Amino acid sequence: MSSETSSAAAIGDVEGVSLYDVDHPAPVIEPPRKRTGKTPKASRTNFEMYAWLFMRLSGIVLTVLVIGHLLIQLVLDGGVSKIGFAFVAGRWASPFWQVWDLTMLWLAMLHGANGLRTVINDYAERDNTRFWLKMLLYTATVFTVLLGTLVIFTFDPNIR
């Protein structure tokens, strides 16, 4: 077999040198975490599919909410210089703005937590580390959502 024939049949030629051919196949790429005897069987739920779908839909809704928020608060209402305690008190006197801000808070926190959960699953190698990072994430998310919800619904403009 001539060198022209072997190089023509080889994959990944670089300046006439074959990277992979019949005698030197491509290396096998190991999956990030192999299944072992301890690995639970695949669940029958489609949680990851729903989480993926939630990220796309919440991203679209968040884009509308945030752009609307910025447009109304910063452009139509006179800019940053007008935002203060009285401005927030006037906004949150309306149930519409309470629901708007609450929806933005909840979606942003759940969207961010879901994204960070995916990052933790991808990069935390040890099960114990993954567990504690996710517990910390879930605790911070629940705390922030509850505290933000409490602030929005119990805001008192007459505070002294």
N, C-alpha and C. Protein backbone atom coordinates (compact mmCIF):
# COMPACT_ATOMS: atom_id res chain seq x y z
N MET A 1 0.86 -1.17 0.00
CA MET A 1 0.00 0.00 0.00
C MET A 1 0.90 1.23 0.00
N SER A 2 0.70 2.15 -0.90
CA SER A 2 1.55 3.33 -0.98
C SER A 2 1.15 4.35 0.06
N SER A 3 2.03 5.31 0.32
CA SER A 3 1.74 6.34 1.33
C SER A 3 0.60 7.23 0.89
N GLU A 4 0.44 7.41 -0.45
CA GLU A 4 -0.66 8.23 -0.94
C GLU A 4 -1.99 7.57 -0.63
N THR A 5 -2.08 6.25 -0.78
CA THR A 5 -3.32 5.54 -0.52
C THR A 5 -3.64 5.54 0.97
N SER A 6 -2.63 5.30 1.79
CA SER A 6 -2.89 5.25 3.24
C SER A 6 -3.23 6.64 3.77
N SER A 7 -2.57 7.68 3.26
CA SER A 7 -2.89 9.02 3.75
C SER A 7 -4.26 9.46 3.25
N ALA A 8 -4.66 9.00 2.08
CA ALA A 8 -5.98 9.35 1.56
C ALA A 8 -7.07 8.67 2.39
N ALA A 9 -6.76 7.47 2.92
CA ALA A 9 -7.74 6.74 3.71
C ALA A 9 -7.71 7.16 5.17
N ALA A 10 -6.65 7.83 5.58
CA ALA A 10 -6.52 8.22 6.99
C ALA A 10 -7.40 9.42 7.29
N ILE A 11 -7.78 9.52 8.53
CA ILE A 11 -8.62 10.62 8.97
C ILE A 11 -7.75 11.59 9.76
N GLY A 12 -7.90 12.86 9.54
CA GLY A 12 -7.19 13.86 10.33
C GLY A 12 -5.76 14.07 9.90
N ASP A 13 -5.49 14.09 8.62
CA ASP A 13 -4.13 14.34 8.15
C ASP A 13 -3.72 15.76 8.50
N VAL A 14 -2.51 15.87 9.03
CA VAL A 14 -1.92 17.17 9.30
C VAL A 14 -0.56 17.17 8.64
N GLU A 15 -0.43 17.94 7.60
CA GLU A 15 0.82 18.03 6.84
C GLU A 15 1.35 16.65 6.46
N GLY A 16 0.49 15.81 5.97
CA GLY A 16 0.90 14.49 5.49
C GLY A 16 1.06 13.45 6.58
N VAL A 17 0.90 13.81 7.86
CA VAL A 17 1.02 12.86 8.96
C VAL A 17 -0.38 12.49 9.41
N SER A 18 -0.67 11.20 9.41
CA SER A 18 -1.99 10.72 9.78
C SER A 18 -2.14 10.66 11.30
N LEU A 19 -3.21 11.29 11.83
CA LEU A 19 -3.47 11.21 13.26
C LEU A 19 -4.13 9.88 13.61
N TYR A 20 -5.09 9.46 12.80
CA TYR A 20 -5.82 8.23 13.05
C TYR A 20 -5.89 7.43 11.77
N ASP A 21 -5.63 6.15 11.88
CA ASP A 21 -5.81 5.25 10.74
C ASP A 21 -6.24 3.90 11.29
N VAL A 22 -6.23 2.90 10.48
CA VAL A 22 -6.69 1.58 10.90
C VAL A 22 -5.85 1.04 12.05
N ASP A 23 -4.56 1.28 12.02
CA ASP A 23 -3.68 0.78 13.09
C ASP A 23 -3.72 1.65 14.34
N HIS A 24 -4.12 2.90 14.21
CA HIS A 24 -4.18 3.83 15.34
C HIS A 24 -5.56 4.49 15.37
N PRO A 25 -6.56 3.81 15.92
CA PRO A 25 -7.91 4.39 15.93
C PRO A 25 -8.00 5.54 16.94
N ALA A 26 -9.08 6.30 16.84
CA ALA A 26 -9.31 7.42 17.76
C ALA A 26 -9.48 6.88 19.18
N PRO A 27 -9.03 7.65 20.17
CA PRO A 27 -9.19 7.19 21.56
C PRO A 27 -10.65 7.19 21.98
N VAL A 28 -10.96 6.33 22.93
CA VAL A 28 -12.32 6.26 23.47
C VAL A 28 -12.45 7.34 24.54
N ILE A 29 -13.49 8.12 24.45
CA ILE A 29 -13.74 9.17 25.43
C ILE A 29 -14.67 8.61 26.50
N GLU A 30 -14.18 8.64 27.74
CA GLU A 30 -14.96 8.12 28.86
C GLU A 30 -16.06 9.12 29.23
N PRO A 31 -17.24 8.63 29.63
CA PRO A 31 -18.28 9.55 30.11
C PRO A 31 -17.83 10.18 31.43
N PRO A 32 -18.37 11.36 31.78
CA PRO A 32 -17.94 12.04 33.00
C PRO A 32 -18.08 11.17 34.25
N ARG A 33 -19.20 10.51 34.40
CA ARG A 33 -19.41 9.62 35.54
C ARG A 33 -19.98 8.32 35.00
N LYS A 34 -19.26 7.24 35.19
CA LYS A 34 -19.73 5.95 34.71
C LYS A 34 -20.81 5.42 35.65
N ARG A 35 -21.71 4.65 35.08
CA ARG A 35 -22.70 3.97 35.91
C ARG A 35 -22.01 2.83 36.64
N THR A 36 -22.34 2.68 37.90
CA THR A 36 -21.78 1.60 38.70
C THR A 36 -22.93 0.78 39.26
N GLY A 37 -22.60 -0.20 40.08
CA GLY A 37 -23.64 -1.00 40.71
C GLY A 37 -24.50 -0.18 41.66
N LYS A 38 -23.91 0.89 42.22
CA LYS A 38 -24.63 1.75 43.16
C LYS A 38 -25.50 2.79 42.47
N THR A 39 -25.25 3.01 41.20
CA THR A 39 -26.00 4.03 40.47
C THR A 39 -27.46 3.61 40.37
N PRO A 40 -28.37 4.50 40.80
CA PRO A 40 -29.78 4.13 40.71
C PRO A 40 -30.21 3.99 39.26
N LYS A 41 -31.18 3.14 39.05
CA LYS A 41 -31.74 2.96 37.71
C LYS A 41 -32.39 4.27 37.28
N ALA A 42 -32.53 4.45 36.00
CA ALA A 42 -33.14 5.66 35.48
C ALA A 42 -34.55 5.80 36.05
N SER A 43 -34.87 7.01 36.47
CA SER A 43 -36.20 7.23 37.03
C SER A 43 -37.22 7.30 35.90
N ARG A 44 -38.44 7.13 36.26
CA ARG A 44 -39.50 7.16 35.26
C ARG A 44 -40.03 8.58 35.05
N THR A 45 -39.50 9.55 35.81
CA THR A 45 -39.95 10.92 35.63
C THR A 45 -39.12 11.60 34.55
N ASN A 46 -39.65 12.67 34.06
CA ASN A 46 -38.95 13.47 33.05
C ASN A 46 -38.51 14.79 33.65
N PHE A 47 -37.97 14.76 34.88
CA PHE A 47 -37.62 15.98 35.59
C PHE A 47 -36.65 16.84 34.79
N GLU A 48 -35.61 16.25 34.24
CA GLU A 48 -34.62 17.03 33.49
C GLU A 48 -35.22 17.67 32.24
N MET A 49 -36.16 16.99 31.60
CA MET A 49 -36.81 17.57 30.43
C MET A 49 -37.67 18.77 30.85
N TYR A 50 -38.39 18.61 31.97
CA TYR A 50 -39.21 19.72 32.46
C TYR A 50 -38.34 20.87 32.94
N ALA A 51 -37.20 20.58 33.56
CA ALA A 51 -36.27 21.62 34.00
C ALA A 51 -35.72 22.37 32.79
N TRP A 52 -35.39 21.63 31.73
CA TRP A 52 -34.90 22.25 30.50
C TRP A 52 -35.97 23.15 29.89
N LEU A 53 -37.19 22.65 29.83
CA LEU A 53 -38.31 23.41 29.27
C LEU A 53 -38.58 24.65 30.12
N PHE A 54 -38.52 24.50 31.45
CA PHE A 54 -38.73 25.64 32.35
C PHE A 54 -37.70 26.73 32.09
N MET A 55 -36.44 26.35 31.86
CA MET A 55 -35.40 27.34 31.60
C MET A 55 -35.73 28.15 30.35
N ARG A 56 -36.20 27.51 29.32
CA ARG A 56 -36.50 28.23 28.08
C ARG A 56 -37.71 29.14 28.25
N LEU A 57 -38.78 28.61 28.84
CA LEU A 57 -40.00 29.40 29.00
C LEU A 57 -39.81 30.53 30.00
N SER A 58 -39.16 30.24 31.13
CA SER A 58 -38.94 31.29 32.12
C SER A 58 -38.00 32.36 31.58
N GLY A 59 -37.05 31.97 30.74
CA GLY A 59 -36.17 32.95 30.13
C GLY A 59 -36.93 33.92 29.24
N ILE A 60 -37.88 33.40 28.48
CA ILE A 60 -38.70 34.25 27.62
C ILE A 60 -39.56 35.20 28.46
N VAL A 61 -40.23 34.65 29.47
CA VAL A 61 -41.09 35.48 30.32
C VAL A 61 -40.25 36.51 31.08
N LEU A 62 -39.08 36.09 31.60
CA LEU A 62 -38.21 37.02 32.30
C LEU A 62 -37.73 38.15 31.39
N THR A 63 -37.44 37.84 30.16
CA THR A 63 -37.02 38.87 29.21
C THR A 63 -38.11 39.93 29.06
N VAL A 64 -39.34 39.49 28.90
CA VAL A 64 -40.46 40.43 28.77
C VAL A 64 -40.63 41.23 30.06
N LEU A 65 -40.59 40.56 31.22
CA LEU A 65 -40.77 41.25 32.50
C LEU A 65 -39.66 42.27 32.76
N VAL A 66 -38.43 41.88 32.53
CA VAL A 66 -37.30 42.76 32.84
C VAL A 66 -37.25 43.94 31.87
N ILE A 67 -37.44 43.69 30.57
CA ILE A 67 -37.43 44.80 29.61
C ILE A 67 -38.61 45.74 29.89
N GLY A 68 -39.77 45.17 30.19
CA GLY A 68 -40.92 46.00 30.57
C GLY A 68 -40.65 46.80 31.82
N HIS A 69 -40.03 46.17 32.81
CA HIS A 69 -39.68 46.84 34.07
C HIS A 69 -38.73 48.01 33.80
N LEU A 70 -37.67 47.75 33.03
CA LEU A 70 -36.70 48.81 32.74
C LEU A 70 -37.31 49.92 31.91
N LEU A 71 -38.10 49.56 30.93
CA LEU A 71 -38.73 50.56 30.06
C LEU A 71 -39.66 51.45 30.87
N ILE A 72 -40.51 50.85 31.69
CA ILE A 72 -41.48 51.63 32.45
C ILE A 72 -40.80 52.42 33.56
N GLN A 73 -39.92 51.78 34.33
CA GLN A 73 -39.32 52.44 35.49
C GLN A 73 -38.29 53.50 35.10
N LEU A 74 -37.48 53.22 34.08
CA LEU A 74 -36.37 54.11 33.78
C LEU A 74 -36.63 55.07 32.64
N VAL A 75 -37.47 54.70 31.68
CA VAL A 75 -37.69 55.56 30.53
C VAL A 75 -38.98 56.38 30.70
N LEU A 76 -40.08 55.70 30.96
CA LEU A 76 -41.37 56.40 31.01
C LEU A 76 -41.60 57.15 32.31
N ASP A 77 -40.98 56.71 33.41
CA ASP A 77 -41.21 57.37 34.70
C ASP A 77 -40.11 58.35 35.09
N GLY A 78 -39.25 58.73 34.18
CA GLY A 78 -38.32 59.81 34.45
C GLY A 78 -36.92 59.41 34.84
N GLY A 79 -36.58 58.15 34.84
CA GLY A 79 -35.20 57.75 35.08
C GLY A 79 -34.88 57.40 36.52
N VAL A 80 -33.61 57.11 36.74
CA VAL A 80 -33.13 56.62 38.02
C VAL A 80 -33.29 57.66 39.12
N SER A 81 -33.17 58.93 38.77
CA SER A 81 -33.23 59.99 39.79
C SER A 81 -34.58 60.04 40.50
N LYS A 82 -35.61 59.52 39.89
CA LYS A 82 -36.94 59.53 40.51
C LYS A 82 -37.20 58.32 41.42
N ILE A 83 -36.32 57.32 41.35
CA ILE A 83 -36.55 56.11 42.13
C ILE A 83 -36.08 56.35 43.57
N GLY A 84 -37.00 56.15 44.49
CA GLY A 84 -36.71 56.31 45.91
C GLY A 84 -37.77 55.57 46.71
N PHE A 85 -37.76 55.80 48.01
CA PHE A 85 -38.71 55.12 48.88
C PHE A 85 -40.15 55.43 48.47
N ALA A 86 -40.44 56.70 48.21
CA ALA A 86 -41.80 57.11 47.83
C ALA A 86 -42.21 56.47 46.50
N PHE A 87 -41.26 56.37 45.58
CA PHE A 87 -41.54 55.76 44.28
C PHE A 87 -41.95 54.30 44.46
N VAL A 88 -41.17 53.56 45.26
CA VAL A 88 -41.46 52.15 45.52
C VAL A 88 -42.79 52.01 46.28
N ALA A 89 -43.02 52.89 47.25
CA ALA A 89 -44.27 52.85 48.01
C ALA A 89 -45.47 53.08 47.09
N GLY A 90 -45.32 54.00 46.16
CA GLY A 90 -46.41 54.26 45.21
C GLY A 90 -46.64 53.07 44.28
N ARG A 91 -45.56 52.45 43.84
CA ARG A 91 -45.69 51.28 42.96
C ARG A 91 -46.35 50.12 43.68
N TRP A 92 -45.86 49.81 44.87
CA TRP A 92 -46.36 48.64 45.58
C TRP A 92 -47.71 48.87 46.25
N ALA A 93 -48.28 50.05 46.10
CA ALA A 93 -49.65 50.26 46.54
C ALA A 93 -50.62 49.59 45.57
N SER A 94 -50.13 49.32 44.37
CA SER A 94 -50.95 48.68 43.34
C SER A 94 -50.68 47.17 43.32
N PRO A 95 -51.74 46.34 43.38
CA PRO A 95 -51.55 44.89 43.28
C PRO A 95 -50.89 44.47 41.96
N PHE A 96 -51.11 45.23 40.89
CA PHE A 96 -50.50 44.91 39.61
C PHE A 96 -48.98 44.89 39.73
N TRP A 97 -48.41 45.95 40.34
CA TRP A 97 -46.95 46.03 40.46
C TRP A 97 -46.42 45.03 41.48
N GLN A 98 -47.20 44.71 42.49
CA GLN A 98 -46.78 43.67 43.43
C GLN A 98 -46.66 42.33 42.72
N VAL A 99 -47.66 42.00 41.92
CA VAL A 99 -47.63 40.72 41.19
C VAL A 99 -46.51 40.74 40.14
N TRP A 100 -46.31 41.87 39.46
CA TRP A 100 -45.25 41.98 38.47
C TRP A 100 -43.89 41.71 39.12
N ASP A 101 -43.61 42.41 40.22
CA ASP A 101 -42.31 42.25 40.90
C ASP A 101 -42.18 40.87 41.54
N LEU A 102 -43.27 40.35 42.07
CA LEU A 102 -43.24 39.01 42.67
C LEU A 102 -42.95 37.96 41.60
N THR A 103 -43.60 38.07 40.45
CA THR A 103 -43.36 37.13 39.35
C THR A 103 -41.91 37.21 38.89
N MET A 104 -41.40 38.44 38.79
CA MET A 104 -40.01 38.61 38.38
C MET A 104 -39.06 38.00 39.41
N LEU A 105 -39.32 38.20 40.68
CA LEU A 105 -38.48 37.63 41.74
C LEU A 105 -38.51 36.10 41.70
N TRP A 106 -39.68 35.54 41.67
CA TRP A 106 -39.81 34.08 41.70
C TRP A 106 -39.17 33.44 40.46
N LEU A 107 -39.49 33.97 39.29
CA LEU A 107 -38.92 33.39 38.07
C LEU A 107 -37.41 33.54 38.02
N ALA A 108 -36.90 34.70 38.42
CA ALA A 108 -35.45 34.92 38.39
C ALA A 108 -34.75 33.97 39.36
N MET A 109 -35.28 33.80 40.54
CA MET A 109 -34.65 32.92 41.53
C MET A 109 -34.73 31.46 41.09
N LEU A 110 -35.86 31.02 40.61
CA LEU A 110 -36.00 29.63 40.19
C LEU A 110 -35.19 29.35 38.92
N HIS A 111 -35.16 30.31 38.01
CA HIS A 111 -34.37 30.17 36.79
C HIS A 111 -32.88 30.07 37.14
N GLY A 112 -32.42 30.97 38.00
CA GLY A 112 -31.01 30.94 38.40
C GLY A 112 -30.65 29.70 39.19
N ALA A 113 -31.53 29.28 40.09
CA ALA A 113 -31.26 28.08 40.90
C ALA A 113 -31.22 26.84 40.01
N ASN A 114 -32.10 26.77 39.04
CA ASN A 114 -32.10 25.63 38.13
C ASN A 114 -30.82 25.59 37.31
N GLY A 115 -30.38 26.74 36.85
CA GLY A 115 -29.12 26.80 36.11
C GLY A 115 -27.93 26.41 36.97
N LEU A 116 -27.89 26.88 38.20
CA LEU A 116 -26.79 26.54 39.10
C LEU A 116 -26.85 25.08 39.51
N ARG A 117 -28.05 24.52 39.63
CA ARG A 117 -28.19 23.09 39.91
C ARG A 117 -27.55 22.27 38.80
N THR A 118 -27.76 22.70 37.56
CA THR A 118 -27.17 22.01 36.42
C THR A 118 -25.64 22.10 36.47
N VAL A 119 -25.12 23.27 36.82
CA VAL A 119 -23.67 23.44 36.92
C VAL A 119 -23.10 22.55 38.02
N ILE A 120 -23.79 22.49 39.16
CA ILE A 120 -23.34 21.62 40.26
C ILE A 120 -23.34 20.17 39.81
N ASN A 121 -24.40 19.74 39.15
CA ASN A 121 -24.45 18.35 38.66
C ASN A 121 -23.32 18.06 37.68
N ASP A 122 -22.96 19.03 36.87
CA ASP A 122 -21.92 18.81 35.86
C ASP A 122 -20.52 18.81 36.45
N TYR A 123 -20.26 19.65 37.44
CA TYR A 123 -18.88 19.85 37.87
C TYR A 123 -18.53 19.29 39.24
N ALA A 124 -19.49 19.04 40.10
CA ALA A 124 -19.17 18.45 41.40
C ALA A 124 -19.03 16.94 41.22
N GLU A 125 -17.83 16.43 41.46
CA GLU A 125 -17.55 15.02 41.16
C GLU A 125 -18.01 14.08 42.27
N ARG A 126 -17.85 14.49 43.51
CA ARG A 126 -18.21 13.59 44.61
C ARG A 126 -19.69 13.76 44.96
N ASP A 127 -20.35 12.65 45.25
CA ASP A 127 -21.78 12.69 45.59
C ASP A 127 -22.04 13.56 46.81
N ASN A 128 -21.18 13.44 47.81
CA ASN A 128 -21.36 14.20 49.05
C ASN A 128 -21.24 15.70 48.79
N THR A 129 -20.27 16.09 48.00
CA THR A 129 -20.08 17.50 47.64
C THR A 129 -21.29 18.01 46.86
N ARG A 130 -21.74 17.23 45.91
CA ARG A 130 -22.90 17.60 45.09
C ARG A 130 -24.13 17.79 45.98
N PHE A 131 -24.33 16.87 46.92
CA PHE A 131 -25.48 16.95 47.82
C PHE A 131 -25.45 18.24 48.63
N TRP A 132 -24.33 18.56 49.26
CA TRP A 132 -24.26 19.73 50.14
C TRP A 132 -24.31 21.04 49.36
N LEU A 133 -23.73 21.06 48.18
CA LEU A 133 -23.83 22.27 47.36
C LEU A 133 -25.28 22.52 46.95
N LYS A 134 -25.99 21.46 46.59
CA LYS A 134 -27.39 21.63 46.20
C LYS A 134 -28.26 22.00 47.41
N MET A 135 -27.96 21.45 48.58
CA MET A 135 -28.71 21.83 49.78
C MET A 135 -28.50 23.31 50.11
N LEU A 136 -27.26 23.77 49.97
CA LEU A 136 -26.96 25.19 50.18
C LEU A 136 -27.70 26.05 49.16
N LEU A 137 -27.70 25.62 47.90
CA LEU A 137 -28.41 26.34 46.85
C LEU A 137 -29.90 26.40 47.13
N TYR A 138 -30.49 25.26 47.47
CA TYR A 138 -31.94 25.23 47.73
C TYR A 138 -32.30 26.08 48.95
N THR A 139 -31.48 26.04 49.99
CA THR A 139 -31.74 26.84 51.18
C THR A 139 -31.69 28.32 50.85
N ALA A 140 -30.66 28.74 50.14
CA ALA A 140 -30.54 30.16 49.76
C ALA A 140 -31.69 30.60 48.87
N THR A 141 -32.11 29.73 47.96
CA THR A 141 -33.22 30.06 47.06
C THR A 141 -34.52 30.23 47.83
N VAL A 142 -34.83 29.26 48.68
CA VAL A 142 -36.07 29.34 49.46
C VAL A 142 -36.04 30.56 50.37
N PHE A 143 -34.91 30.82 51.03
CA PHE A 143 -34.79 31.98 51.92
C PHE A 143 -35.03 33.27 51.15
N THR A 144 -34.40 33.43 50.00
CA THR A 144 -34.53 34.66 49.22
C THR A 144 -35.95 34.84 48.68
N VAL A 145 -36.55 33.76 48.20
CA VAL A 145 -37.92 33.85 47.67
C VAL A 145 -38.89 34.21 48.80
N LEU A 146 -38.76 33.54 49.94
CA LEU A 146 -39.67 33.84 51.06
C LEU A 146 -39.47 35.26 51.58
N LEU A 147 -38.22 35.68 51.75
CA LEU A 147 -37.95 37.03 52.24
C LEU A 147 -38.44 38.08 51.25
N GLY A 148 -38.19 37.88 49.95
CA GLY A 148 -38.67 38.83 48.95
C GLY A 148 -40.17 38.90 48.89
N THR A 149 -40.83 37.76 48.99
CA THR A 149 -42.30 37.72 48.99
C THR A 149 -42.85 38.44 50.22
N LEU A 150 -42.22 38.21 51.37
CA LEU A 150 -42.64 38.88 52.60
C LEU A 150 -42.49 40.39 52.47
N VAL A 151 -41.39 40.85 51.93
CA VAL A 151 -41.16 42.29 51.76
C VAL A 151 -42.18 42.90 50.82
N ILE A 152 -42.45 42.23 49.71
CA ILE A 152 -43.40 42.79 48.73
C ILE A 152 -44.80 42.90 49.32
N PHE A 153 -45.25 41.89 50.06
CA PHE A 153 -46.63 41.91 50.56
C PHE A 153 -46.80 42.60 51.90
N THR A 154 -45.75 42.82 52.64
CA THR A 154 -45.89 43.48 53.94
C THR A 154 -45.25 44.87 53.95
N PHE A 155 -44.92 45.38 52.78
CA PHE A 155 -44.29 46.69 52.69
C PHE A 155 -45.22 47.75 53.25
N ASP A 156 -44.71 48.55 54.18
CA ASP A 156 -45.50 49.61 54.82
C ASP A 156 -44.92 50.96 54.43
N PRO A 157 -45.64 51.72 53.62
CA PRO A 157 -45.11 53.03 53.22
C PRO A 157 -45.10 54.06 54.36
N ASN A 158 -45.78 53.76 55.46
CA ASN A 158 -45.85 54.70 56.59
C ASN A 158 -44.80 54.41 57.66
N ILE A 159 -43.78 53.65 57.33
CA ILE A 159 -42.75 53.32 58.30
C ILE A 159 -41.98 54.57 58.70
N ARG A 160 -41.60 54.64 59.95
CA ARG A 160 -40.87 55.84 60.44
C ARG A 160 -39.55 55.42 60.97
